[in-house]
N, C-alpha and C. Protein backbone atom coordinates (compact mmCIF):
# COMPACT_ATOMS: atom_id res chain seq x y z
N MET A 1 48.85 10.62 164.39
CA MET A 1 48.63 9.95 165.63
C MET A 1 47.48 10.17 166.54
N SER A 2 46.36 9.07 166.36
CA SER A 2 45.16 9.86 167.17
C SER A 2 44.68 8.38 167.69
N LEU A 3 44.34 8.38 169.30
CA LEU A 3 43.73 7.79 169.97
C LEU A 3 43.06 6.62 169.23
N ASP A 4 43.37 5.39 170.11
CA ASP A 4 42.05 4.32 169.31
C ASP A 4 41.11 4.24 170.36
N VAL A 5 39.88 4.62 169.78
CA VAL A 5 38.77 4.83 171.00
C VAL A 5 37.89 4.15 170.29
N SER A 6 37.75 3.24 171.95
CA SER A 6 36.14 2.54 171.65
C SER A 6 34.99 2.73 171.44
N PRO A 7 34.10 2.05 170.93
CA PRO A 7 33.10 2.27 171.07
C PRO A 7 32.07 3.01 171.78
N ALA A 8 32.41 2.46 173.80
CA ALA A 8 31.74 2.64 174.89
C ALA A 8 32.50 3.78 174.97
N LEU A 9 33.46 4.36 174.57
CA LEU A 9 34.37 5.52 175.30
C LEU A 9 33.67 6.74 174.45
N LEU A 10 33.50 6.27 172.92
CA LEU A 10 32.28 7.43 171.95
C LEU A 10 31.06 7.55 172.29
N GLU A 11 30.62 6.74 172.87
CA GLU A 11 29.02 7.09 173.11
C GLU A 11 29.77 7.80 174.53
N GLN A 12 30.33 7.52 175.41
CA GLN A 12 30.39 8.64 176.53
C GLN A 12 30.72 10.11 176.27
N ALA A 13 31.37 10.18 174.98
CA ALA A 13 31.84 11.20 174.74
C ALA A 13 30.70 12.11 174.62
N GLU A 14 29.73 11.35 173.38
CA GLU A 14 28.77 11.65 172.70
C GLU A 14 27.57 12.15 173.99
N ARG A 15 27.58 11.29 175.08
CA ARG A 15 26.14 12.16 175.93
C ARG A 15 27.17 13.00 176.75
N GLY A 16 28.23 13.07 176.63
CA GLY A 16 28.47 14.52 177.40
C GLY A 16 29.65 14.12 178.82
N GLU A 17 29.31 12.89 178.98
CA GLU A 17 30.33 12.49 180.67
C GLU A 17 31.05 11.24 180.14
N VAL A 18 32.40 11.68 180.43
CA VAL A 18 33.50 10.69 179.88
C VAL A 18 34.02 10.72 181.08
N ASP A 19 34.22 9.21 181.93
CA ASP A 19 35.35 8.78 182.91
C ASP A 19 37.17 8.41 182.35
N GLU A 20 37.20 9.86 183.49
CA GLU A 20 38.65 10.25 183.22
C GLU A 20 39.75 8.73 183.20
N ALA A 21 39.27 7.84 184.14
CA ALA A 21 39.56 6.83 184.29
C ALA A 21 39.79 5.78 183.16
N ALA A 22 38.68 6.03 182.11
CA ALA A 22 38.32 5.28 180.93
C ALA A 22 39.46 5.53 179.71
N PHE A 23 39.43 7.34 180.21
CA PHE A 23 40.15 8.31 179.03
C PHE A 23 41.37 7.91 179.24
N ILE A 24 41.77 7.80 179.88
CA ILE A 24 43.48 7.15 180.03
C ILE A 24 44.16 6.43 179.86
N ASP A 25 43.01 5.14 180.17
CA ASP A 25 42.97 3.47 179.76
C ASP A 25 43.21 4.00 178.49
N CYS A 26 42.68 4.31 177.33
CA CYS A 26 42.63 4.92 176.08
C CYS A 26 43.99 5.40 175.71
N VAL A 27 44.45 6.78 176.34
CA VAL A 27 46.17 6.92 176.38
C VAL A 27 46.90 5.91 176.37
N ARG A 28 46.54 4.98 177.63
CA ARG A 28 48.02 4.11 177.75
C ARG A 28 48.01 2.87 176.44
N THR A 29 46.53 2.65 176.12
CA THR A 29 46.96 1.64 174.97
C THR A 29 47.14 2.05 173.84
N SER A 30 46.37 3.18 174.05
CA SER A 30 47.00 4.15 172.22
C SER A 30 48.11 4.64 171.85
N LEU A 31 49.35 4.99 173.06
CA LEU A 31 50.18 5.26 173.01
C LEU A 31 51.57 4.82 173.57
N PRO A 32 51.61 3.53 173.42
CA PRO A 32 52.23 3.05 174.88
C PRO A 32 53.36 3.28 174.64
N PHE A 33 54.34 3.96 173.86
CA PHE A 33 55.50 4.90 174.11
C PHE A 33 55.72 6.11 174.65
N ALA A 34 54.32 6.86 174.32
CA ALA A 34 54.40 7.74 175.23
C ALA A 34 54.23 7.48 176.72
N TRP A 35 53.33 6.50 176.99
CA TRP A 35 52.91 6.04 178.18
C TRP A 35 53.86 5.59 179.25
N GLU A 36 54.99 4.44 178.69
CA GLU A 36 55.89 3.77 179.42
C GLU A 36 56.85 5.09 179.81
N MET A 37 57.43 6.51 178.70
CA MET A 37 58.48 7.20 178.76
C MET A 37 58.27 7.78 180.53
N ILE A 38 56.39 7.89 180.36
CA ILE A 38 56.32 9.25 181.61
C ILE A 38 56.14 8.08 182.91
N SER A 39 55.74 7.20 182.58
CA SER A 39 55.97 6.10 183.58
C SER A 39 56.97 6.17 184.23
N THR A 40 58.28 5.95 183.36
CA THR A 40 59.42 5.74 183.89
C THR A 40 59.75 6.57 184.86
N LEU A 41 59.54 8.11 184.35
CA LEU A 41 60.45 9.50 184.48
C LEU A 41 59.41 9.77 185.83
N VAL A 42 58.21 8.69 186.02
CA VAL A 42 57.93 9.92 187.05
C VAL A 42 58.35 8.88 188.44
N ALA A 43 58.75 7.29 187.92
CA ALA A 43 59.14 6.37 189.02
C ALA A 43 60.34 6.92 189.06
N ARG A 44 61.08 7.26 188.40
CA ARG A 44 62.15 7.88 188.40
C ARG A 44 61.94 8.93 190.14
N LEU A 45 61.77 9.63 189.38
CA LEU A 45 61.07 11.10 190.17
C LEU A 45 61.00 10.68 191.47
N GLN A 46 60.54 9.81 191.66
CA GLN A 46 59.51 9.13 192.91
C GLN A 46 61.20 8.40 193.86
N VAL A 47 61.60 7.82 193.26
CA VAL A 47 62.73 6.85 193.52
C VAL A 47 63.95 7.92 194.04
N ASP A 48 64.14 8.42 192.98
CA ASP A 48 65.81 9.43 192.83
C ASP A 48 65.41 10.97 193.85
N GLY A 49 64.12 10.90 193.54
CA GLY A 49 63.56 12.65 194.46
C GLY A 49 64.44 13.70 193.26
N GLY A 50 64.14 14.77 193.92
CA GLY A 50 65.28 15.88 194.04
C GLY A 50 63.91 16.69 192.65
N GLU A 51 64.50 17.66 192.22
CA GLU A 51 63.39 18.49 191.36
C GLU A 51 62.70 18.19 189.83
N PHE A 52 63.25 17.07 189.42
CA PHE A 52 62.72 17.02 188.11
C PHE A 52 63.39 15.95 187.74
N ALA A 53 62.73 15.08 186.73
CA ALA A 53 63.45 13.72 186.48
C ALA A 53 62.85 13.91 184.77
N ASP A 54 63.96 13.85 184.20
CA ASP A 54 63.68 14.12 182.33
C ASP A 54 64.48 12.91 181.35
N ASN A 55 63.78 12.45 179.68
CA ASN A 55 64.55 11.49 179.18
C ASN A 55 65.47 12.52 178.26
N GLN A 56 66.17 12.32 177.92
CA GLN A 56 66.79 12.97 176.82
C GLN A 56 67.61 11.59 175.75
N THR A 57 66.61 10.62 175.77
CA THR A 57 67.76 9.76 174.58
C THR A 57 66.09 9.91 173.32
N PRO A 58 66.55 10.34 171.89
CA PRO A 58 65.42 10.21 171.01
C PRO A 58 64.73 8.98 170.80
N PRO A 59 63.61 9.03 170.70
CA PRO A 59 62.64 7.46 170.47
C PRO A 59 62.81 6.69 169.37
N PRO A 60 62.95 5.51 169.13
CA PRO A 60 63.73 3.91 168.35
C PRO A 60 63.39 4.54 166.92
N ASP A 61 61.95 5.34 166.58
CA ASP A 61 61.60 5.62 165.37
C ASP A 61 60.06 6.46 165.44
N GLU A 62 60.22 6.57 164.05
CA GLU A 62 58.95 8.13 164.40
C GLU A 62 57.68 7.53 164.82
N GLN A 63 57.33 6.43 164.74
CA GLN A 63 55.66 5.83 165.70
C GLN A 63 56.10 6.59 166.82
N ALA A 64 57.31 6.03 167.00
CA ALA A 64 57.57 6.39 169.09
C ALA A 64 57.39 8.34 169.08
N ARG A 65 57.94 8.58 168.39
CA ARG A 65 58.38 9.90 168.01
C ARG A 65 57.04 10.58 167.83
N GLY A 66 56.09 9.93 167.06
CA GLY A 66 54.84 10.35 166.83
C GLY A 66 53.81 10.00 168.12
N GLN A 67 53.83 9.28 168.91
CA GLN A 67 53.00 8.83 170.03
C GLN A 67 53.56 10.47 171.06
N LEU A 68 54.77 10.74 171.56
CA LEU A 68 55.04 11.44 172.04
C LEU A 68 54.81 13.06 171.90
N LEU A 69 54.71 13.14 170.85
CA LEU A 69 54.18 14.54 170.32
C LEU A 69 53.15 14.57 170.62
N ARG A 70 52.27 13.56 170.21
CA ARG A 70 50.50 13.78 170.52
C ARG A 70 50.12 13.78 172.24
N ALA A 71 51.00 12.87 172.74
CA ALA A 71 50.49 13.42 174.24
C ALA A 71 50.87 14.35 174.95
N MET A 72 51.82 14.69 174.38
CA MET A 72 52.07 15.98 175.00
C MET A 72 51.68 17.68 173.96
N ALA A 73 51.20 17.17 172.98
CA ALA A 73 50.67 18.66 172.19
C ALA A 73 49.18 18.17 172.75
N SER A 74 48.65 17.84 172.89
CA SER A 74 46.98 18.07 173.40
C SER A 74 46.57 18.25 174.66
N ASP A 75 46.42 19.25 175.15
CA ASP A 75 45.78 19.66 176.19
C ASP A 75 45.11 18.81 177.35
N ALA A 76 44.23 17.84 176.35
CA ALA A 76 43.62 16.97 176.85
C ALA A 76 44.27 15.99 178.04
N ILE A 77 45.03 15.29 176.72
CA ILE A 77 46.21 13.87 177.41
C ILE A 77 46.86 14.25 178.12
N ARG A 78 47.43 15.59 177.77
CA ARG A 78 48.70 15.96 178.90
C ARG A 78 48.01 16.17 180.47
N GLY A 79 47.14 17.35 180.05
CA GLY A 79 45.99 17.00 181.40
C GLY A 79 46.04 15.74 182.37
N ALA A 80 45.73 15.12 181.44
CA ALA A 80 44.56 14.18 182.24
C ALA A 80 46.10 13.23 182.40
N LEU A 81 46.84 13.01 182.11
CA LEU A 81 48.21 12.58 182.32
C LEU A 81 48.71 13.55 183.63
N GLN A 82 48.86 14.45 183.93
CA GLN A 82 49.21 14.77 184.77
C GLN A 82 48.39 14.85 186.00
N ARG A 83 47.37 14.61 185.71
CA ARG A 83 46.48 14.21 186.79
C ARG A 83 46.71 12.76 187.40
N HIS A 84 46.23 12.06 186.61
CA HIS A 84 46.58 10.71 186.69
C HIS A 84 48.16 10.90 187.76
N PHE A 85 49.12 11.31 187.02
CA PHE A 85 50.39 10.42 187.70
C PHE A 85 50.31 11.82 188.80
N GLY A 86 49.85 12.79 189.27
CA GLY A 86 50.46 13.86 189.98
C GLY A 86 51.71 14.31 189.78
N VAL A 87 51.71 15.40 188.95
CA VAL A 87 53.17 15.88 188.25
C VAL A 87 52.88 16.48 187.45
N ARG A 88 53.75 17.78 186.87
CA ARG A 88 53.81 18.51 186.32
C ARG A 88 54.75 18.08 184.67
N LEU A 89 53.87 18.01 183.67
CA LEU A 89 55.21 17.37 182.77
C LEU A 89 55.57 18.81 181.65
N ALA A 90 56.48 19.16 181.18
CA ALA A 90 57.37 19.67 180.77
C ALA A 90 57.70 19.08 179.44
N PHE A 91 57.84 19.92 178.69
CA PHE A 91 58.15 19.19 176.83
C PHE A 91 59.19 20.45 176.02
N GLN A 92 59.91 20.00 175.69
CA GLN A 92 61.44 20.57 175.09
C GLN A 92 61.79 19.60 174.01
N ASN A 93 61.71 20.12 172.14
CA ASN A 93 61.85 19.37 171.08
C ASN A 93 61.25 18.04 170.85
N CYS A 94 61.82 17.22 170.44
CA CYS A 94 60.96 15.97 169.92
C CYS A 94 60.76 14.64 171.07
N HIS A 95 61.75 15.08 172.51
CA HIS A 95 61.78 14.36 173.09
C HIS A 95 62.13 14.47 174.59
N ARG A 96 62.70 15.44 174.26
CA ARG A 96 62.97 16.06 175.90
C ARG A 96 61.84 16.01 176.31
N VAL A 97 61.05 15.04 177.22
CA VAL A 97 60.24 15.15 178.29
C VAL A 97 60.31 15.28 180.22
N ALA A 98 59.84 16.07 180.74
CA ALA A 98 60.26 16.36 182.20
C ALA A 98 59.16 16.26 182.84
N VAL A 99 59.39 15.49 184.06
CA VAL A 99 58.48 15.25 184.81
C VAL A 99 58.78 16.15 186.52
N PHE A 100 57.83 17.02 186.77
CA PHE A 100 58.11 17.64 187.77
C PHE A 100 57.00 17.34 188.84
N PRO A 101 57.84 17.28 190.39
CA PRO A 101 56.62 17.26 190.97
C PRO A 101 55.64 18.56 191.38
N LEU A 102 54.28 18.53 191.72
CA LEU A 102 53.44 19.25 191.95
C LEU A 102 54.44 20.21 193.23
N ASP A 103 54.29 19.90 194.06
CA ASP A 103 54.70 20.73 195.21
C ASP A 103 55.33 22.28 194.50
N ASP A 104 55.59 23.11 195.73
CA ASP A 104 56.26 24.47 195.84
C ASP A 104 57.64 24.31 195.38
N SER A 105 58.70 23.04 195.36
CA SER A 105 59.89 22.75 195.32
C SER A 105 60.59 23.00 194.07
N ALA A 106 59.62 22.62 193.08
CA ALA A 106 60.38 22.18 191.33
C ALA A 106 59.94 23.56 190.70
N ASP A 107 59.52 24.29 191.23
CA ASP A 107 58.74 26.15 190.96
C ASP A 107 59.71 26.52 189.79
N GLU A 108 60.84 26.59 190.66
CA GLU A 108 62.25 27.28 189.97
C GLU A 108 62.73 26.55 188.94
N ARG A 109 63.15 25.61 189.25
CA ARG A 109 63.65 24.49 188.21
C ARG A 109 62.55 24.40 187.23
N PHE A 110 61.19 24.29 187.44
CA PHE A 110 60.25 23.87 186.20
C PHE A 110 60.06 25.13 185.47
N ALA A 111 60.00 26.88 186.37
CA ALA A 111 60.52 28.07 185.19
C ALA A 111 61.70 28.12 183.99
N ARG A 112 62.52 27.52 184.80
CA ARG A 112 63.54 27.58 184.02
C ARG A 112 63.61 26.51 183.10
N PHE A 113 63.42 25.31 183.11
CA PHE A 113 62.94 24.50 182.40
C PHE A 113 62.16 24.74 181.11
N THR A 114 61.03 25.56 181.44
CA THR A 114 60.20 26.13 180.33
C THR A 114 60.27 27.33 180.07
N SER A 115 61.15 27.57 180.23
CA SER A 115 61.77 29.26 179.53
C SER A 115 62.16 29.04 178.31
N ILE A 116 62.30 30.27 177.87
CA ILE A 116 62.73 31.04 176.27
C ILE A 116 63.99 30.28 176.34
N ARG A 117 64.93 30.41 177.18
CA ARG A 117 66.40 30.40 177.56
C ARG A 117 66.73 28.62 177.78
N GLY A 118 65.96 28.31 178.38
CA GLY A 118 65.95 26.56 178.42
C GLY A 118 65.95 26.61 176.79
N GLN A 119 65.17 26.44 176.31
CA GLN A 119 64.34 26.14 175.09
C GLN A 119 65.39 26.26 174.43
N LEU A 120 66.47 27.31 173.80
CA LEU A 120 67.12 27.40 173.21
C LEU A 120 68.71 27.34 173.63
N LEU A 121 68.53 26.73 175.09
CA LEU A 121 70.12 26.11 175.18
C LEU A 121 69.70 24.67 175.01
N ASN A 122 68.49 23.84 174.92
CA ASN A 122 68.39 22.80 174.59
C ASN A 122 68.78 22.16 173.28
N GLN A 123 68.67 22.79 172.17
CA GLN A 123 69.04 23.01 171.16
C GLN A 123 70.31 22.21 170.80
N SER A 124 70.11 21.78 169.40
CA SER A 124 71.30 21.31 168.26
C SER A 124 70.67 20.95 167.24
N PRO A 125 72.49 20.63 166.35
CA PRO A 125 71.90 20.64 165.04
C PRO A 125 71.40 18.84 164.99
N GLU A 126 71.35 18.37 165.46
CA GLU A 126 71.30 16.98 165.28
C GLU A 126 70.00 17.21 165.58
N LEU A 127 69.09 17.37 166.58
CA LEU A 127 67.69 17.51 166.47
C LEU A 127 67.06 18.83 165.98
N ARG A 128 67.77 19.20 164.69
CA ARG A 128 67.18 19.73 163.46
C ARG A 128 65.48 19.25 163.21
N ASP A 129 65.18 18.00 162.98
CA ASP A 129 64.88 17.58 162.27
C ASP A 129 63.83 15.95 162.59
N CYS A 130 64.16 16.92 164.11
CA CYS A 130 63.19 15.41 164.63
C CYS A 130 61.69 16.41 165.40
């Protein structure tokens, strides 16, 4: 799953200067499923409050799964999304994305979610091939 990079954005990268807003727009248009999921989780966190908001529904198809994996596996994309939305992102298996506020109130829950124990407790036979 690759980003659809415009010639103008590629030219910026070749010059060494990349506008993060343009990069975010590239991510939004290239990975619409991942963008929508993260946007929805951020909105849910803002409306409902709490320590975090997460998704537990598998993607509808392999293309959507690929978009989500691409967004979460790339340090550059993940970092840009975190800065854009003002959250911390966490990821377990093929679909469980969580958003946490940046403030210290969610530090303990973030640590539990991203721990080895948290990863192991989130496994199931249904997710074996995701």
